[in-house]
Amino acid sequence: MDNLEVELKLTVAHVNSVLKHLAKGAYEEVADIIALLHSQAKPQVEAASAPSAPAVPAAPTAENPSE
């Protein structure tokens, strides 16, 4: 079952706490898991931080009628 993937839902505070505790471990034992956590969390955090697109498309303009 070592290769079974598990999906967890954690707050940013929880993830930071896990990372804080992992950072105290020996580098060769924790580096891969820290990199994995970062690679999965980064796109989610960036998406949540990005300004949301307008719900209604912009009206066409004379300069760009295809909008």
PDB file of N, CA and C in Angstrom:
ATOM      1  N   MET A   1       0.808  -1.203   0.000  1.00  0.00           N
ATOM      2  CA  MET A   1       0.000   0.000   0.000  1.00  0.00           C
ATOM      3  C   MET A   1       0.848   1.263   0.000  1.00  0.00           C
ATOM      4  N   ASP A   2       2.141   1.135  -0.057  1.00  0.00           N
ATOM      5  CA  ASP A   2       3.015   2.301  -0.036  1.00  0.00           C
ATOM      6  C   ASP A   2       2.788   3.226  -1.223  1.00  0.00           C
ATOM      7  N   ASN A   3       2.320   2.705  -2.340  1.00  0.00           N
ATOM      8  CA  ASN A   3       2.113   3.531  -3.529  1.00  0.00           C
ATOM      9  C   ASN A   3       0.681   4.038  -3.659  1.00  0.00           C
ATOM     10  N   LEU A   4      -0.164   3.727  -2.718  1.00  0.00           N
ATOM     11  CA  LEU A   4      -1.538   4.215  -2.723  1.00  0.00           C
ATOM     12  C   LEU A   4      -1.530   5.719  -2.479  1.00  0.00           C
ATOM     13  N   GLU A   5      -2.150   6.483  -3.381  1.00  0.00           N
ATOM     14  CA  GLU A   5      -2.205   7.934  -3.214  1.00  0.00           C
ATOM     15  C   GLU A   5      -3.402   8.306  -2.347  1.00  0.00           C
ATOM     16  N   VAL A   6      -3.175   9.225  -1.419  1.00  0.00           N
ATOM     17  CA  VAL A   6      -4.198   9.698  -0.502  1.00  0.00           C
ATOM     18  C   VAL A   6      -4.352  11.198  -0.709  1.00  0.00           C
ATOM     19  N   GLU A   7      -5.583  11.664  -0.794  1.00  0.00           N
ATOM     20  CA  GLU A   7      -5.844  13.087  -0.952  1.00  0.00           C
ATOM     21  C   GLU A   7      -6.263  13.657   0.398  1.00  0.00           C
ATOM     22  N   LEU A   8      -5.553  14.682   0.843  1.00  0.00           N
ATOM     23  CA  LEU A   8      -5.845  15.331   2.125  1.00  0.00           C
ATOM     24  C   LEU A   8      -6.264  16.766   1.877  1.00  0.00           C
ATOM     25  N   LYS A   9      -7.117  17.285   2.715  1.00  0.00           N
ATOM     26  CA  LYS A   9      -7.492  18.693   2.654  1.00  0.00           C
ATOM     27  C   LYS A   9      -7.042  19.337   3.957  1.00  0.00           C
ATOM     28  N   LEU A  10      -6.117  20.286   3.833  1.00  0.00           N
ATOM     29  CA  LEU A  10      -5.554  20.968   4.990  1.00  0.00           C
ATOM     30  C   LEU A  10      -5.583  22.466   4.760  1.00  0.00           C
ATOM     31  N   THR A  11      -5.640  23.218   5.827  1.00  0.00           N
ATOM     32  CA  THR A  11      -5.522  24.664   5.700  1.00  0.00           C
ATOM     33  C   THR A  11      -4.053  25.013   5.467  1.00  0.00           C
ATOM     34  N   VAL A  12      -3.815  26.232   5.009  1.00  0.00           N
ATOM     35  CA  VAL A  12      -2.438  26.687   4.815  1.00  0.00           C
ATOM     36  C   VAL A  12      -1.697  26.629   6.150  1.00  0.00           C
ATOM     37  N   ALA A  13      -2.363  26.964   7.224  1.00  0.00           N
ATOM     38  CA  ALA A  13      -1.734  26.916   8.551  1.00  0.00           C
ATOM     39  C   ALA A  13      -1.297  25.495   8.901  1.00  0.00           C
ATOM     40  N   HIS A  14      -2.141  24.517   8.580  1.00  0.00           N
ATOM     41  CA  HIS A  14      -1.774  23.122   8.859  1.00  0.00           C
ATOM     42  C   HIS A  14      -0.577  22.695   8.011  1.00  0.00           C
ATOM     43  N   VAL A  15      -0.588  23.047   6.738  1.00  0.00           N
ATOM     44  CA  VAL A  15       0.532  22.686   5.855  1.00  0.00           C
ATOM     45  C   VAL A  15       1.820  23.330   6.362  1.00  0.00           C
ATOM     46  N   ASN A  16       1.728  24.602   6.754  1.00  0.00           N
ATOM     47  CA  ASN A  16       2.920  25.272   7.280  1.00  0.00           C
ATOM     48  C   ASN A  16       3.427  24.599   8.549  1.00  0.00           C
ATOM     49  N   SER A  17       2.529  24.126   9.375  1.00  0.00           N
ATOM     50  CA  SER A  17       2.924  23.416  10.592  1.00  0.00           C
ATOM     51  C   SER A  17       3.638  22.108  10.247  1.00  0.00           C
ATOM     52  N   VAL A  18       3.091  21.374   9.297  1.00  0.00           N
ATOM     53  CA  VAL A  18       3.731  20.124   8.860  1.00  0.00           C
ATOM     54  C   VAL A  18       5.120  20.418   8.303  1.00  0.00           C
ATOM     55  N   LEU A  19       5.217  21.442   7.453  1.00  0.00           N
ATOM     56  CA  LEU A  19       6.514  21.801   6.878  1.00  0.00           C
ATOM     57  C   LEU A  19       7.512  22.219   7.956  1.00  0.00           C
ATOM     58  N   LYS A  20       7.028  22.950   8.953  1.00  0.00           N
ATOM     59  CA  LYS A  20       7.890  23.383  10.055  1.00  0.00           C
ATOM     60  C   LYS A  20       8.488  22.173  10.778  1.00  0.00           C
ATOM     61  N   HIS A  21       7.658  21.179  11.011  1.00  0.00           N
ATOM     62  CA  HIS A  21       8.142  19.988  11.708  1.00  0.00           C
ATOM     63  C   HIS A  21       9.027  19.128  10.808  1.00  0.00           C
ATOM     64  N   LEU A  22       8.687  19.043   9.540  1.00  0.00           N
ATOM     65  CA  LEU A  22       9.536  18.298   8.608  1.00  0.00           C
ATOM     66  C   LEU A  22      10.910  18.947   8.478  1.00  0.00           C
ATOM     67  N   ALA A  23      10.950  20.268   8.534  1.00  0.00           N
ATOM     68  CA  ALA A  23      12.217  20.986   8.383  1.00  0.00           C
ATOM     69  C   ALA A  23      13.213  20.633   9.486  1.00  0.00           C
ATOM     70  N   LYS A  24      12.728  20.100  10.591  1.00  0.00           N
ATOM     71  CA  LYS A  24      13.612  19.702  11.691  1.00  0.00           C
ATOM     72  C   LYS A  24      14.231  18.326  11.458  1.00  0.00           C
ATOM     73  N   GLY A  25      13.737  17.614  10.432  1.00  0.00           N
ATOM     74  CA  GLY A  25      14.246  16.280  10.144  1.00  0.00           C
ATOM     75  C   GLY A  25      15.537  16.314   9.343  1.00  0.00           C
ATOM     76  N   ALA A  26      16.133  15.154   9.218  1.00  0.00           N
ATOM     77  CA  ALA A  26      17.354  15.032   8.423  1.00  0.00           C
ATOM     78  C   ALA A  26      17.011  15.278   6.957  1.00  0.00           C
ATOM     79  N   TYR A  27      17.805  16.111   6.289  1.00  0.00           N
ATOM     80  CA  TYR A  27      17.516  16.538   4.918  1.00  0.00           C
ATOM     81  C   TYR A  27      17.222  15.368   3.998  1.00  0.00           C
ATOM     82  N   GLU A  28      18.058  14.356   4.017  1.00  0.00           N
ATOM     83  CA  GLU A  28      17.884  13.237   3.082  1.00  0.00           C
ATOM     84  C   GLU A  28      16.599  12.443   3.352  1.00  0.00           C
ATOM     85  N   GLU A  29      16.022  12.597   4.524  1.00  0.00           N
ATOM     86  CA  GLU A  29      14.787  11.898   4.861  1.00  0.00           C
ATOM     87  C   GLU A  29      13.535  12.711   4.542  1.00  0.00           C
ATOM     88  N   VAL A  30      13.646  14.034   4.502  1.00  0.00           N
ATOM     89  CA  VAL A  30      12.452  14.866   4.354  1.00  0.00           C
ATOM     90  C   VAL A  30      12.412  15.696   3.079  1.00  0.00           C
ATOM     91  N   ALA A  31      13.506  15.816   2.365  1.00  0.00           N
ATOM     92  CA  ALA A  31      13.568  16.703   1.196  1.00  0.00           C
ATOM     93  C   ALA A  31      12.523  16.343   0.149  1.00  0.00           C
ATOM     94  N   ASP A  32      12.368  15.059  -0.142  1.00  0.00           N
ATOM     95  CA  ASP A  32      11.407  14.646  -1.177  1.00  0.00           C
ATOM     96  C   ASP A  32       9.965  14.976  -0.785  1.00  0.00           C
ATOM     97  N   ILE A  33       9.602  14.740   0.461  1.00  0.00           N
ATOM     98  CA  ILE A  33       8.228  15.005   0.887  1.00  0.00           C
ATOM     99  C   ILE A  33       7.954  16.510   0.931  1.00  0.00           C
ATOM    100  N   ILE A  34       8.947  17.295   1.329  1.00  0.00           N
ATOM    101  CA  ILE A  34       8.778  18.748   1.325  1.00  0.00           C
ATOM    102  C   ILE A  34       8.593  19.244  -0.105  1.00  0.00           C
ATOM    103  N   ALA A  35       9.390  18.757  -1.031  1.00  0.00           N
ATOM    104  CA  ALA A  35       9.265  19.147  -2.444  1.00  0.00           C
ATOM    105  C   ALA A  35       7.904  18.741  -2.992  1.00  0.00           C
ATOM    106  N   LEU A  36       7.421  17.574  -2.622  1.00  0.00           N
ATOM    107  CA  LEU A  36       6.119  17.103  -3.075  1.00  0.00           C
ATOM    108  C   LEU A  36       4.995  17.997  -2.535  1.00  0.00           C
ATOM    109  N   LEU A  37       5.070  18.349  -1.265  1.00  0.00           N
ATOM    110  CA  LEU A  37       4.067  19.241  -0.679  1.00  0.00           C
ATOM    111  C   LEU A  37       4.073  20.596  -1.381  1.00  0.00           C
ATOM    112  N   HIS A  38       5.258  21.138  -1.631  1.00  0.00           N
ATOM    113  CA  HIS A  38       5.355  22.421  -2.316  1.00  0.00           C
ATOM    114  C   HIS A  38       4.788  22.341  -3.731  1.00  0.00           C
ATOM    115  N   SER A  39       5.122  21.289  -4.462  1.00  0.00           N
ATOM    116  CA  SER A  39       4.671  21.184  -5.855  1.00  0.00           C
ATOM    117  C   SER A  39       3.155  21.041  -5.963  1.00  0.00           C
ATOM    118  N   GLN A  40       2.530  20.417  -4.972  1.00  0.00           N
ATOM    119  CA  GLN A  40       1.079  20.271  -5.004  1.00  0.00           C
ATOM    120  C   GLN A  40       0.365  21.511  -4.462  1.00  0.00           C
ATOM    121  N   ALA A  41       0.961  22.172  -3.502  1.00  0.00           N
ATOM    122  CA  ALA A  41       0.304  23.319  -2.882  1.00  0.00           C
ATOM    123  C   ALA A  41       0.459  24.604  -3.691  1.00  0.00           C
ATOM    124  N   LYS A  42       1.609  24.790  -4.335  1.00  0.00           N
ATOM    125  CA  LYS A  42       1.889  26.051  -5.020  1.00  0.00           C
ATOM    126  C   LYS A  42       0.808  26.445  -6.034  1.00  0.00           C
ATOM    127  N   PRO A  43       0.399  25.556  -6.968  1.00  0.00           N
ATOM    128  CA  PRO A  43      -0.619  25.981  -7.930  1.00  0.00           C
ATOM    129  C   PRO A  43      -1.961  26.311  -7.268  1.00  0.00           C
ATOM    130  N   GLN A  44      -2.270  25.629  -6.182  1.00  0.00           N
ATOM    131  CA  GLN A  44      -3.524  25.895  -5.483  1.00  0.00           C
ATOM    132  C   GLN A  44      -3.496  27.263  -4.810  1.00  0.00           C
ATOM    133  N   VAL A  45      -2.375  27.583  -4.187  1.00  0.00           N
ATOM    134  CA  VAL A  45      -2.239  28.871  -3.514  1.00  0.00           C
ATOM    135  C   VAL A  45      -2.232  30.000  -4.547  1.00  0.00           C
ATOM    136  N   GLU A  46      -1.523  29.791  -5.662  1.00  0.00           N
ATOM    137  CA  GLU A  46      -1.492  30.809  -6.715  1.00  0.00           C
ATOM    138  C   GLU A  46      -2.882  31.037  -7.296  1.00  0.00           C
ATOM    139  N   ALA A  47      -3.629  29.971  -7.525  1.00  0.00           N
ATOM    140  CA  ALA A  47      -4.985  30.106  -8.073  1.00  0.00           C
ATOM    141  C   ALA A  47      -5.892  30.843  -7.103  1.00  0.00           C
ATOM    142  N   ALA A  48      -5.742  30.575  -5.829  1.00  0.00           N
ATOM    143  CA  ALA A  48      -6.573  31.244  -4.823  1.00  0.00           C
ATOM    144  C   ALA A  48      -6.191  32.712  -4.669  1.00  0.00           C
ATOM    145  N   SER A  49      -4.938  33.045  -4.955  1.00  0.00           N
ATOM    146  CA  SER A  49      -4.457  34.419  -4.813  1.00  0.00           C
ATOM    147  C   SER A  49      -4.704  35.266  -6.050  1.00  0.00           C
ATOM    148  N   ALA A  50      -4.921  34.618  -7.202  1.00  0.00           N
ATOM    149  CA  ALA A  50      -5.091  35.350  -8.458  1.00  0.00           C
ATOM    150  C   ALA A  50      -6.422  36.082  -8.463  1.00  0.00           C
ATOM    151  N   PRO A  51      -6.420  37.269  -9.056  1.00  0.00           N
ATOM    152  CA  PRO A  51      -7.712  37.967  -9.177  1.00  0.00           C
ATOM    153  C   PRO A  51      -8.642  37.151 -10.056  1.00  0.00           C
ATOM    154  N   SER A  52      -9.870  37.059  -9.663  1.00  0.00           N
ATOM    155  CA  SER A  52     -10.813  36.252 -10.432  1.00  0.00           C
ATOM    156  C   SER A  52     -11.217  36.969 -11.708  1.00  0.00           C
ATOM    157  N   ALA A  53     -11.502  36.190 -12.726  1.00  0.00           N
ATOM    158  CA  ALA A  53     -11.927  36.739 -14.010  1.00  0.00           C
ATOM    159  C   ALA A  53     -13.330  37.318 -13.869  1.00  0.00           C
ATOM    160  N   PRO A  54     -13.657  38.308 -14.679  1.00  0.00           N
ATOM    161  CA  PRO A  54     -15.008  38.860 -14.597  1.00  0.00           C
ATOM    162  C   PRO A  54     -16.052  37.809 -14.962  1.00  0.00           C
ATOM    163  N   ALA A  55     -17.166  37.842 -14.262  1.00  0.00           N
ATOM    164  CA  ALA A  55     -18.218  36.855 -14.498  1.00  0.00           C
ATOM    165  C   ALA A  55     -18.911  37.100 -15.828  1.00  0.00           C
ATOM    166  N   VAL A  56     -18.961  38.362 -16.258  1.00  0.00           N
ATOM    167  CA  VAL A  56     -19.621  38.713 -17.513  1.00  0.00           C
ATOM    168  C   VAL A  56     -18.549  39.177 -18.486  1.00  0.00           C
ATOM    169  N   PRO A  57     -18.505  38.610 -19.699  1.00  0.00           N
ATOM    170  CA  PRO A  57     -17.483  39.052 -20.660  1.00  0.00           C
ATOM    171  C   PRO A  57     -17.643  40.537 -20.978  1.00  0.00           C
ATOM    172  N   ALA A  58     -16.524  41.169 -21.297  1.00  0.00           N
ATOM    173  CA  ALA A  58     -16.552  42.594 -21.633  1.00  0.00           C
ATOM    174  C   ALA A  58     -17.331  42.787 -22.935  1.00  0.00           C
ATOM    175  N   ALA A  59     -17.980  43.924 -23.019  1.00  0.00           N
ATOM    176  CA  ALA A  59     -18.741  44.251 -24.225  1.00  0.00           C
ATOM    177  C   ALA A  59     -17.777  44.510 -25.376  1.00  0.00           C
ATOM    178  N   PRO A  60     -18.170  44.184 -26.619  1.00  0.00           N
ATOM    179  CA  PRO A  60     -17.298  44.448 -27.769  1.00  0.00           C
ATOM    180  C   PRO A  60     -17.036  45.943 -27.893  1.00  0.00           C
ATOM    181  N   THR A  61     -15.869  46.256 -28.391  1.00  0.00           N
ATOM    182  CA  THR A  61     -15.515  47.657 -28.617  1.00  0.00           C
ATOM    183  C   THR A  61     -15.274  47.875 -30.091  1.00  0.00           C
ATOM    184  N   ALA A  62     -15.232  49.131 -30.501  1.00  0.00           N
ATOM    185  CA  ALA A  62     -14.990  49.452 -31.910  1.00  0.00           C
ATOM    186  C   ALA A  62     -13.608  49.000 -32.339  1.00  0.00           C
ATOM    187  N   GLU A  63     -12.647  49.090 -31.404  1.00  0.00           N
ATOM    188  CA  GLU A  63     -11.272  48.693 -31.722  1.00  0.00           C
ATOM    189  C   GLU A  63     -11.139  47.185 -31.865  1.00  0.00           C
ATOM    190  N   ASN A  64     -11.916  46.436 -31.092  1.00  0.00           N
ATOM    191  CA  ASN A  64     -11.800  44.979 -31.102  1.00  0.00           C
ATOM    192  C   ASN A  64     -13.212  44.379 -31.045  1.00  0.00           C
ATOM    193  N   PRO A  65     -13.899  44.284 -32.190  1.00  0.00           N
ATOM    194  CA  PRO A  65     -15.279  43.806 -32.175  1.00  0.00           C
ATOM    195  C   PRO A  65     -15.437  42.346 -31.788  1.00  0.00           C
ATOM    196  N   SER A  66     -14.361  41.598 -31.743  1.00  0.00           N
ATOM    197  CA  SER A  66     -14.489  40.181 -31.390  1.00  0.00           C
ATOM    198  C   SER A  66     -14.586  39.955 -29.890  1.00  0.00           C
ATOM    199  N   GLU A  67     -14.375  40.970 -29.087  1.00  0.00           N
ATOM    200  CA  GLU A  67     -14.455  40.811 -27.625  1.00  0.00           C
ATOM    201  C   GLU A  67     -15.881  40.604 -27.193  1.00  0.00           C
TER     202      GLU A  67
END
